[in-house]
């Protein structure tokens, strides 16, 4: 005869309130992240806000911009969320090692023109981690794909 195990989960004061809205907070998290990634991708893809038209990486920057822009929409709307997050994570690995790591593997400090400054690698690492998390979790409760098909395809 199998034994029945009952697990009681108690939440602290804020966990009890906010825990009920975990899916809604995750949606908000996805939307904010996707908005920031979309702006960053649009800046590269459409040469907006003073982004240089000519860079040493050439077409790679355009490709990265389009991947970021499209992945942001997939993540925000919950359509092939894991695919978009995976593409973004791969792009962040490429960006870190092709652009930022050349200034030193430590992401925050490198010597430039006689002083120390950040080279932006910490943002790339953070976006890689967030894209990885979204890739694991998918769209969860809120996503167009889940609404249409009652499940996530990928």
N, C-alpha and C. Protein backbone atom coordinates (compact mmCIF):
# COMPACT_ATOMS: atom_id res chain seq x y z
N UNK A 1 0.84 -1.17 0.00
CA UNK A 1 0.00 0.00 0.00
C UNK A 1 0.89 1.24 0.00
N UNK A 2 0.61 2.18 -0.88
CA UNK A 2 1.43 3.39 -1.00
C UNK A 2 1.06 4.39 0.07
N UNK A 3 2.08 5.05 0.58
CA UNK A 3 1.86 6.07 1.60
C UNK A 3 1.56 7.40 0.92
N UNK A 4 0.69 8.17 1.52
CA UNK A 4 0.35 9.48 1.01
C UNK A 4 1.13 10.52 1.78
N UNK A 5 1.78 11.40 1.06
CA UNK A 5 2.56 12.46 1.68
C UNK A 5 1.88 13.79 1.40
N UNK A 6 1.63 14.53 2.44
CA UNK A 6 1.02 15.85 2.30
C UNK A 6 2.09 16.90 2.57
N UNK A 7 2.24 17.82 1.64
CA UNK A 7 3.21 18.89 1.78
C UNK A 7 2.46 20.19 1.97
N UNK A 8 2.77 20.88 3.03
CA UNK A 8 2.15 22.17 3.30
C UNK A 8 3.18 23.26 3.01
N UNK A 9 2.81 24.18 2.16
CA UNK A 9 3.70 25.28 1.81
C UNK A 9 3.14 26.54 2.45
N UNK A 10 3.97 27.18 3.23
CA UNK A 10 3.54 28.46 3.81
C UNK A 10 4.41 29.56 3.22
N UNK A 11 3.76 30.65 2.89
CA UNK A 11 4.46 31.77 2.30
C UNK A 11 4.59 32.87 3.34
N UNK A 12 5.70 33.58 3.31
CA UNK A 12 5.79 34.77 4.16
C UNK A 12 4.73 35.77 3.72
N UNK A 13 4.62 36.85 4.43
CA UNK A 13 3.54 37.82 4.18
C UNK A 13 3.50 38.27 2.72
N UNK A 14 4.64 38.61 2.13
CA UNK A 14 4.63 39.07 0.75
C UNK A 14 4.48 37.92 -0.22
N UNK A 15 5.07 36.76 0.09
CA UNK A 15 4.94 35.60 -0.77
C UNK A 15 3.50 35.12 -0.87
N UNK A 16 2.76 35.24 0.22
CA UNK A 16 1.36 34.84 0.20
C UNK A 16 0.54 35.70 -0.73
N UNK A 17 0.82 36.99 -0.74
CA UNK A 17 0.09 37.90 -1.61
C UNK A 17 0.59 37.80 -3.05
N UNK A 18 1.90 37.98 -3.23
CA UNK A 18 2.47 38.01 -4.57
C UNK A 18 2.51 36.64 -5.23
N UNK A 19 2.60 35.58 -4.44
CA UNK A 19 2.65 34.23 -4.98
C UNK A 19 1.41 33.89 -5.79
N UNK A 20 0.29 34.45 -5.41
CA UNK A 20 -0.95 34.20 -6.16
C UNK A 20 -0.91 34.79 -7.55
N UNK A 21 -0.05 35.77 -7.74
CA UNK A 21 0.03 36.47 -9.03
C UNK A 21 1.35 36.20 -9.75
N UNK A 22 1.94 35.04 -9.49
CA UNK A 22 3.24 34.72 -10.09
C UNK A 22 3.18 34.74 -11.62
N UNK A 23 2.12 34.21 -12.20
CA UNK A 23 2.02 34.20 -13.67
C UNK A 23 1.89 35.61 -14.23
N UNK A 24 1.17 36.47 -13.53
CA UNK A 24 1.01 37.84 -13.98
C UNK A 24 2.34 38.61 -13.86
N UNK A 25 3.08 38.37 -12.78
CA UNK A 25 4.39 39.02 -12.62
C UNK A 25 5.37 38.51 -13.67
N UNK A 26 5.29 37.22 -13.98
CA UNK A 26 6.16 36.67 -15.02
C UNK A 26 5.83 37.29 -16.38
N UNK A 27 4.56 37.50 -16.66
CA UNK A 27 4.16 38.17 -17.90
C UNK A 27 4.74 39.58 -17.93
N UNK A 28 4.61 40.31 -16.84
CA UNK A 28 5.16 41.67 -16.77
C UNK A 28 6.67 41.65 -16.97
N UNK A 29 7.34 40.70 -16.34
CA UNK A 29 8.78 40.52 -16.49
C UNK A 29 9.14 40.29 -17.96
N UNK A 30 8.42 39.38 -18.63
CA UNK A 30 8.66 39.10 -20.04
C UNK A 30 8.44 40.33 -20.90
N UNK A 31 7.37 41.08 -20.63
CA UNK A 31 7.06 42.26 -21.43
C UNK A 31 8.11 43.35 -21.28
N UNK A 32 8.55 43.60 -20.06
CA UNK A 32 9.58 44.62 -19.83
C UNK A 32 10.88 44.22 -20.50
N UNK A 33 11.27 42.96 -20.30
CA UNK A 33 12.50 42.47 -20.93
C UNK A 33 12.40 42.56 -22.45
N UNK A 34 11.29 42.11 -23.02
CA UNK A 34 11.11 42.14 -24.47
C UNK A 34 11.13 43.56 -25.01
N UNK A 35 10.56 44.50 -24.27
CA UNK A 35 10.57 45.90 -24.70
C UNK A 35 12.00 46.43 -24.79
N UNK A 36 12.80 46.15 -23.77
CA UNK A 36 14.19 46.61 -23.78
C UNK A 36 14.99 45.96 -24.90
N UNK A 37 14.79 44.66 -25.11
CA UNK A 37 15.51 43.95 -26.17
C UNK A 37 15.06 44.46 -27.54
N UNK A 38 13.76 44.73 -27.70
CA UNK A 38 13.25 45.25 -28.97
C UNK A 38 13.85 46.61 -29.29
N UNK A 39 13.96 47.47 -28.30
CA UNK A 39 14.57 48.78 -28.53
C UNK A 39 16.03 48.64 -28.94
N UNK A 40 16.74 47.75 -28.26
CA UNK A 40 18.15 47.53 -28.55
C UNK A 40 18.33 46.96 -29.96
N UNK A 41 17.46 46.00 -30.32
CA UNK A 41 17.52 45.41 -31.65
C UNK A 41 17.14 46.40 -32.74
N UNK A 42 16.12 47.21 -32.47
CA UNK A 42 15.68 48.21 -33.45
C UNK A 42 16.78 49.24 -33.68
N UNK A 43 17.51 49.59 -32.64
CA UNK A 43 18.60 50.55 -32.78
C UNK A 43 19.63 50.03 -33.79
N UNK A 44 19.93 48.74 -33.71
CA UNK A 44 20.91 48.16 -34.64
C UNK A 44 20.31 47.92 -36.02
N UNK A 45 19.11 47.33 -36.06
CA UNK A 45 18.50 46.94 -37.33
C UNK A 45 18.11 48.14 -38.19
N UNK A 46 17.65 49.21 -37.55
CA UNK A 46 17.16 50.38 -38.29
C UNK A 46 18.07 51.60 -38.16
N UNK A 47 19.24 51.42 -37.54
CA UNK A 47 20.22 52.50 -37.35
C UNK A 47 19.59 53.72 -36.68
N UNK A 48 18.95 53.49 -35.56
CA UNK A 48 18.26 54.56 -34.83
C UNK A 48 19.12 55.11 -33.70
N UNK A 49 18.75 56.27 -33.23
CA UNK A 49 19.30 56.90 -32.03
C UNK A 49 20.82 56.98 -32.06
N UNK A 50 21.35 57.38 -33.18
CA UNK A 50 22.78 57.62 -33.30
C UNK A 50 23.63 56.38 -33.44
N UNK A 51 23.01 55.23 -33.71
CA UNK A 51 23.81 54.02 -33.88
C UNK A 51 24.62 54.16 -35.16
N UNK A 52 25.90 53.83 -35.11
CA UNK A 52 26.74 54.01 -36.30
C UNK A 52 26.35 53.08 -37.44
N UNK A 53 26.33 53.65 -38.64
CA UNK A 53 25.99 52.86 -39.82
C UNK A 53 27.11 51.90 -40.19
N UNK A 54 28.33 52.24 -39.84
CA UNK A 54 29.48 51.40 -40.17
C UNK A 54 30.14 50.98 -38.87
N UNK A 55 30.26 49.68 -38.68
CA UNK A 55 30.95 49.14 -37.51
C UNK A 55 31.96 48.11 -37.98
N UNK A 56 32.96 47.81 -37.17
CA UNK A 56 33.95 46.80 -37.57
C UNK A 56 33.33 45.41 -37.81
N UNK A 57 32.17 45.15 -37.21
CA UNK A 57 31.54 43.84 -37.37
C UNK A 57 30.64 43.76 -38.60
N UNK A 58 30.38 44.88 -39.23
CA UNK A 58 29.61 44.89 -40.47
C UNK A 58 28.23 44.28 -40.35
N UNK A 59 27.94 43.32 -41.22
CA UNK A 59 26.61 42.71 -41.30
C UNK A 59 26.24 41.93 -40.04
N UNK A 60 27.23 41.49 -39.24
CA UNK A 60 26.92 40.76 -38.02
C UNK A 60 26.06 41.59 -37.07
N UNK A 61 26.30 42.89 -37.06
CA UNK A 61 25.50 43.77 -36.19
C UNK A 61 24.07 43.84 -36.70
N UNK A 62 23.89 43.90 -38.01
CA UNK A 62 22.54 43.91 -38.58
C UNK A 62 21.81 42.62 -38.25
N UNK A 63 22.49 41.50 -38.39
CA UNK A 63 21.88 40.21 -38.09
C UNK A 63 21.49 40.14 -36.61
N UNK A 64 22.39 40.56 -35.74
CA UNK A 64 22.11 40.55 -34.30
C UNK A 64 20.92 41.45 -33.99
N UNK A 65 20.86 42.61 -34.64
CA UNK A 65 19.74 43.53 -34.41
C UNK A 65 18.41 42.91 -34.80
N UNK A 66 18.38 42.24 -35.94
CA UNK A 66 17.13 41.60 -36.38
C UNK A 66 16.76 40.43 -35.49
N UNK A 67 17.74 39.64 -35.05
CA UNK A 67 17.45 38.54 -34.13
C UNK A 67 16.88 39.09 -32.83
N UNK A 68 17.49 40.13 -32.29
CA UNK A 68 17.00 40.73 -31.05
C UNK A 68 15.59 41.27 -31.23
N UNK A 69 15.36 41.95 -32.33
CA UNK A 69 14.05 42.57 -32.58
C UNK A 69 12.95 41.51 -32.72
N UNK A 70 13.21 40.48 -33.50
CA UNK A 70 12.21 39.43 -33.71
C UNK A 70 12.02 38.59 -32.44
N UNK A 71 13.12 38.24 -31.79
CA UNK A 71 13.04 37.45 -30.55
C UNK A 71 12.24 38.19 -29.49
N UNK A 72 12.39 39.50 -29.42
CA UNK A 72 11.64 40.30 -28.44
C UNK A 72 10.14 40.16 -28.65
N UNK A 73 9.70 40.19 -29.90
CA UNK A 73 8.28 40.04 -30.18
C UNK A 73 7.78 38.63 -29.87
N UNK A 74 8.59 37.62 -30.18
CA UNK A 74 8.20 36.25 -29.85
C UNK A 74 8.06 36.08 -28.34
N UNK A 75 9.00 36.63 -27.59
CA UNK A 75 8.96 36.53 -26.12
C UNK A 75 7.78 37.31 -25.56
N UNK A 76 7.57 38.50 -26.05
CA UNK A 76 6.49 39.35 -25.52
C UNK A 76 5.11 38.74 -25.76
N UNK A 77 4.89 38.25 -26.96
CA UNK A 77 3.56 37.76 -27.31
C UNK A 77 3.35 36.28 -27.00
N UNK A 78 4.41 35.59 -26.60
CA UNK A 78 4.26 34.18 -26.26
C UNK A 78 4.02 33.31 -27.47
N UNK A 79 4.71 33.62 -28.55
CA UNK A 79 4.65 32.82 -29.78
C UNK A 79 6.04 32.23 -29.97
N UNK A 80 6.16 30.91 -29.94
CA UNK A 80 7.46 30.26 -30.04
C UNK A 80 8.46 30.91 -29.07
N UNK A 81 8.00 31.10 -27.86
CA UNK A 81 8.77 31.81 -26.84
C UNK A 81 10.14 31.18 -26.62
N UNK A 82 10.19 29.87 -26.51
CA UNK A 82 11.46 29.19 -26.25
C UNK A 82 12.42 29.34 -27.44
N UNK A 83 11.90 29.31 -28.64
CA UNK A 83 12.74 29.50 -29.82
C UNK A 83 13.33 30.91 -29.83
N UNK A 84 12.51 31.90 -29.57
CA UNK A 84 12.99 33.28 -29.52
C UNK A 84 14.02 33.48 -28.42
N UNK A 85 13.77 32.91 -27.25
CA UNK A 85 14.70 33.04 -26.14
C UNK A 85 16.01 32.32 -26.45
N UNK A 86 15.93 31.17 -27.09
CA UNK A 86 17.14 30.44 -27.47
C UNK A 86 17.98 31.20 -28.47
N UNK A 87 17.32 31.77 -29.46
CA UNK A 87 18.04 32.57 -30.47
C UNK A 87 18.70 33.78 -29.82
N UNK A 88 18.00 34.39 -28.88
CA UNK A 88 18.57 35.54 -28.18
C UNK A 88 19.75 35.13 -27.31
N UNK A 89 19.66 34.00 -26.63
CA UNK A 89 20.77 33.52 -25.80
C UNK A 89 22.01 33.25 -26.64
N UNK A 90 21.84 32.63 -27.79
CA UNK A 90 22.98 32.37 -28.68
C UNK A 90 23.56 33.69 -29.16
N UNK A 91 22.72 34.64 -29.49
CA UNK A 91 23.19 35.96 -29.93
C UNK A 91 24.00 36.65 -28.83
N UNK A 92 23.57 36.50 -27.58
CA UNK A 92 24.29 37.12 -26.46
C UNK A 92 25.67 36.48 -26.26
N UNK A 93 25.76 35.17 -26.45
CA UNK A 93 27.08 34.51 -26.35
C UNK A 93 27.99 35.06 -27.44
N UNK A 94 27.48 35.14 -28.65
CA UNK A 94 28.25 35.68 -29.77
C UNK A 94 28.66 37.13 -29.48
N UNK A 95 27.71 37.94 -29.01
CA UNK A 95 28.00 39.35 -28.73
C UNK A 95 29.06 39.49 -27.65
N UNK A 96 28.96 38.68 -26.61
CA UNK A 96 29.94 38.81 -25.53
C UNK A 96 31.35 38.50 -26.02
N UNK A 97 31.51 37.37 -26.71
CA UNK A 97 32.85 36.97 -27.11
C UNK A 97 33.37 37.72 -28.33
N UNK A 98 32.50 38.21 -29.19
CA UNK A 98 32.93 38.93 -30.38
C UNK A 98 33.15 40.43 -30.11
N UNK A 99 32.37 40.99 -29.19
CA UNK A 99 32.43 42.44 -28.96
C UNK A 99 33.06 42.77 -27.61
N UNK A 100 32.51 42.21 -26.55
CA UNK A 100 32.88 42.67 -25.21
C UNK A 100 34.12 42.00 -24.62
N UNK A 101 34.30 40.73 -24.84
CA UNK A 101 35.43 40.01 -24.21
C UNK A 101 36.78 40.46 -24.75
N UNK A 102 36.79 41.10 -25.91
CA UNK A 102 38.04 41.63 -26.45
C UNK A 102 38.65 42.69 -25.57
N UNK A 103 37.86 43.27 -24.69
CA UNK A 103 38.33 44.29 -23.76
C UNK A 103 38.71 43.69 -22.42
N UNK A 104 38.61 42.39 -22.29
CA UNK A 104 38.92 41.71 -21.04
C UNK A 104 37.73 40.86 -20.62
N UNK A 105 38.01 39.69 -20.06
CA UNK A 105 36.91 38.79 -19.71
C UNK A 105 36.10 39.30 -18.53
N UNK A 106 36.69 40.09 -17.65
CA UNK A 106 35.90 40.65 -16.56
C UNK A 106 34.98 41.70 -17.17
N UNK A 107 33.67 41.54 -17.05
CA UNK A 107 32.74 42.34 -17.85
C UNK A 107 32.61 43.80 -17.47
N UNK A 108 33.07 44.19 -16.31
CA UNK A 108 32.74 45.55 -15.89
C UNK A 108 33.87 46.55 -16.03
N UNK A 109 35.10 46.12 -15.92
CA UNK A 109 36.18 47.11 -15.89
C UNK A 109 37.25 46.78 -16.93
N UNK A 110 37.63 47.76 -17.70
CA UNK A 110 38.78 47.62 -18.57
C UNK A 110 39.40 49.00 -18.78
N UNK A 111 40.66 49.01 -19.12
CA UNK A 111 41.41 50.25 -19.27
C UNK A 111 41.11 50.87 -20.64
N UNK A 112 40.70 52.13 -20.61
CA UNK A 112 40.40 52.83 -21.86
C UNK A 112 40.80 54.29 -21.72
N UNK A 113 41.66 54.75 -22.58
CA UNK A 113 42.10 56.14 -22.62
C UNK A 113 42.53 56.64 -21.25
N UNK A 114 43.35 55.85 -20.60
CA UNK A 114 43.93 56.29 -19.34
C UNK A 114 43.05 56.08 -18.11
N UNK A 115 41.85 55.55 -18.27
CA UNK A 115 40.98 55.32 -17.12
C UNK A 115 40.24 54.01 -17.26
N UNK A 116 39.59 53.63 -16.20
CA UNK A 116 38.83 52.39 -16.23
C UNK A 116 37.36 52.69 -16.50
N UNK A 117 36.73 51.83 -17.29
CA UNK A 117 35.32 52.02 -17.62
C UNK A 117 34.68 50.66 -17.88
N UNK A 118 33.38 50.64 -17.99
CA UNK A 118 32.65 49.40 -18.28
C UNK A 118 32.59 49.18 -19.79
N UNK A 119 32.66 47.93 -20.21
CA UNK A 119 32.56 47.66 -21.65
C UNK A 119 31.22 47.06 -22.04
N UNK A 120 30.26 46.96 -21.14
CA UNK A 120 28.92 46.52 -21.47
C UNK A 120 28.70 45.03 -21.43
N UNK A 121 29.72 44.27 -21.12
CA UNK A 121 29.58 42.83 -21.09
C UNK A 121 28.63 42.34 -20.02
N UNK A 122 28.46 43.11 -18.93
CA UNK A 122 27.55 42.68 -17.87
C UNK A 122 26.11 42.64 -18.35
N UNK A 123 25.74 43.53 -19.23
CA UNK A 123 24.38 43.52 -19.79
C UNK A 123 24.20 42.28 -20.67
N UNK A 124 25.19 41.96 -21.44
CA UNK A 124 25.13 40.79 -22.30
C UNK A 124 24.99 39.51 -21.47
N UNK A 125 25.75 39.41 -20.39
CA UNK A 125 25.66 38.24 -19.50
C UNK A 125 24.28 38.17 -18.86
N UNK A 126 23.77 39.30 -18.41
CA UNK A 126 22.44 39.34 -17.78
C UNK A 126 21.36 38.94 -18.79
N UNK A 127 21.42 39.47 -19.99
CA UNK A 127 20.43 39.12 -21.01
C UNK A 127 20.52 37.65 -21.39
N UNK A 128 21.74 37.08 -21.40
CA UNK A 128 21.90 35.66 -21.65
C UNK A 128 21.18 34.86 -20.57
N UNK A 129 21.37 35.24 -19.31
CA UNK A 129 20.74 34.53 -18.19
C UNK A 129 19.22 34.65 -18.25
N UNK A 130 18.72 35.84 -18.54
CA UNK A 130 17.27 36.04 -18.62
C UNK A 130 16.68 35.26 -19.79
N UNK A 131 17.34 35.30 -20.94
CA UNK A 131 16.86 34.54 -22.10
C UNK A 131 16.87 33.05 -21.79
N UNK A 132 17.87 32.59 -21.07
CA UNK A 132 17.92 31.18 -20.67
C UNK A 132 16.78 30.81 -19.76
N UNK A 133 16.48 31.68 -18.80
CA UNK A 133 15.36 31.45 -17.89
C UNK A 133 14.03 31.41 -18.66
N UNK A 134 13.84 32.35 -19.55
CA UNK A 134 12.61 32.37 -20.35
C UNK A 134 12.56 31.16 -21.27
N UNK A 135 13.71 30.73 -21.77
CA UNK A 135 13.76 29.54 -22.59
C UNK A 135 13.33 28.29 -21.84
N UNK A 136 13.66 28.23 -20.57
CA UNK A 136 13.25 27.08 -19.75
C UNK A 136 11.77 27.17 -19.39
N UNK A 137 11.31 28.36 -19.01
CA UNK A 137 9.93 28.51 -18.54
C UNK A 137 8.90 28.65 -19.67
N UNK A 138 9.32 29.14 -20.83
CA UNK A 138 8.37 29.37 -21.91
C UNK A 138 7.46 30.55 -21.61
N UNK A 139 6.27 30.55 -22.18
CA UNK A 139 5.35 31.67 -21.94
C UNK A 139 4.48 31.44 -20.71
N UNK A 140 4.49 30.22 -20.19
CA UNK A 140 3.67 29.83 -19.05
C UNK A 140 2.19 30.08 -19.34
N UNK A 141 1.50 30.76 -18.46
CA UNK A 141 0.05 30.89 -18.59
C UNK A 141 -0.37 31.85 -19.70
N UNK A 142 0.40 32.92 -19.89
CA UNK A 142 0.00 33.97 -20.83
C UNK A 142 0.86 33.97 -22.07
N UNK A 143 0.25 33.59 -23.18
CA UNK A 143 0.92 33.60 -24.45
C UNK A 143 -0.08 33.28 -25.55
N UNK A 144 0.10 33.88 -26.70
CA UNK A 144 -0.82 33.67 -27.82
C UNK A 144 -0.82 32.21 -28.25
N UNK A 145 0.35 31.61 -28.26
CA UNK A 145 0.46 30.21 -28.66
C UNK A 145 -0.35 29.31 -27.72
N UNK A 146 -0.27 29.54 -26.44
CA UNK A 146 -1.03 28.75 -25.46
C UNK A 146 -2.52 29.03 -25.61
N UNK A 147 -2.87 30.27 -25.90
CA UNK A 147 -4.27 30.64 -26.06
C UNK A 147 -4.88 29.97 -27.29
N UNK A 148 -4.11 29.93 -28.40
CA UNK A 148 -4.61 29.33 -29.64
C UNK A 148 -4.62 27.81 -29.61
N UNK A 149 -3.53 27.21 -29.14
CA UNK A 149 -3.35 25.76 -29.25
C UNK A 149 -3.51 25.03 -27.91
N UNK A 150 -3.73 25.77 -26.83
CA UNK A 150 -3.85 25.20 -25.49
C UNK A 150 -2.56 24.56 -25.00
N UNK A 151 -1.46 24.85 -25.69
CA UNK A 151 -0.15 24.36 -25.27
C UNK A 151 0.92 25.17 -26.00
N UNK A 152 2.15 25.00 -25.56
CA UNK A 152 3.27 25.60 -26.28
C UNK A 152 3.82 24.57 -27.26
N UNK A 153 4.06 24.99 -28.48
CA UNK A 153 4.51 24.08 -29.52
C UNK A 153 5.94 23.62 -29.24
N UNK A 154 6.79 24.54 -28.86
CA UNK A 154 8.19 24.21 -28.54
C UNK A 154 8.44 24.41 -27.06
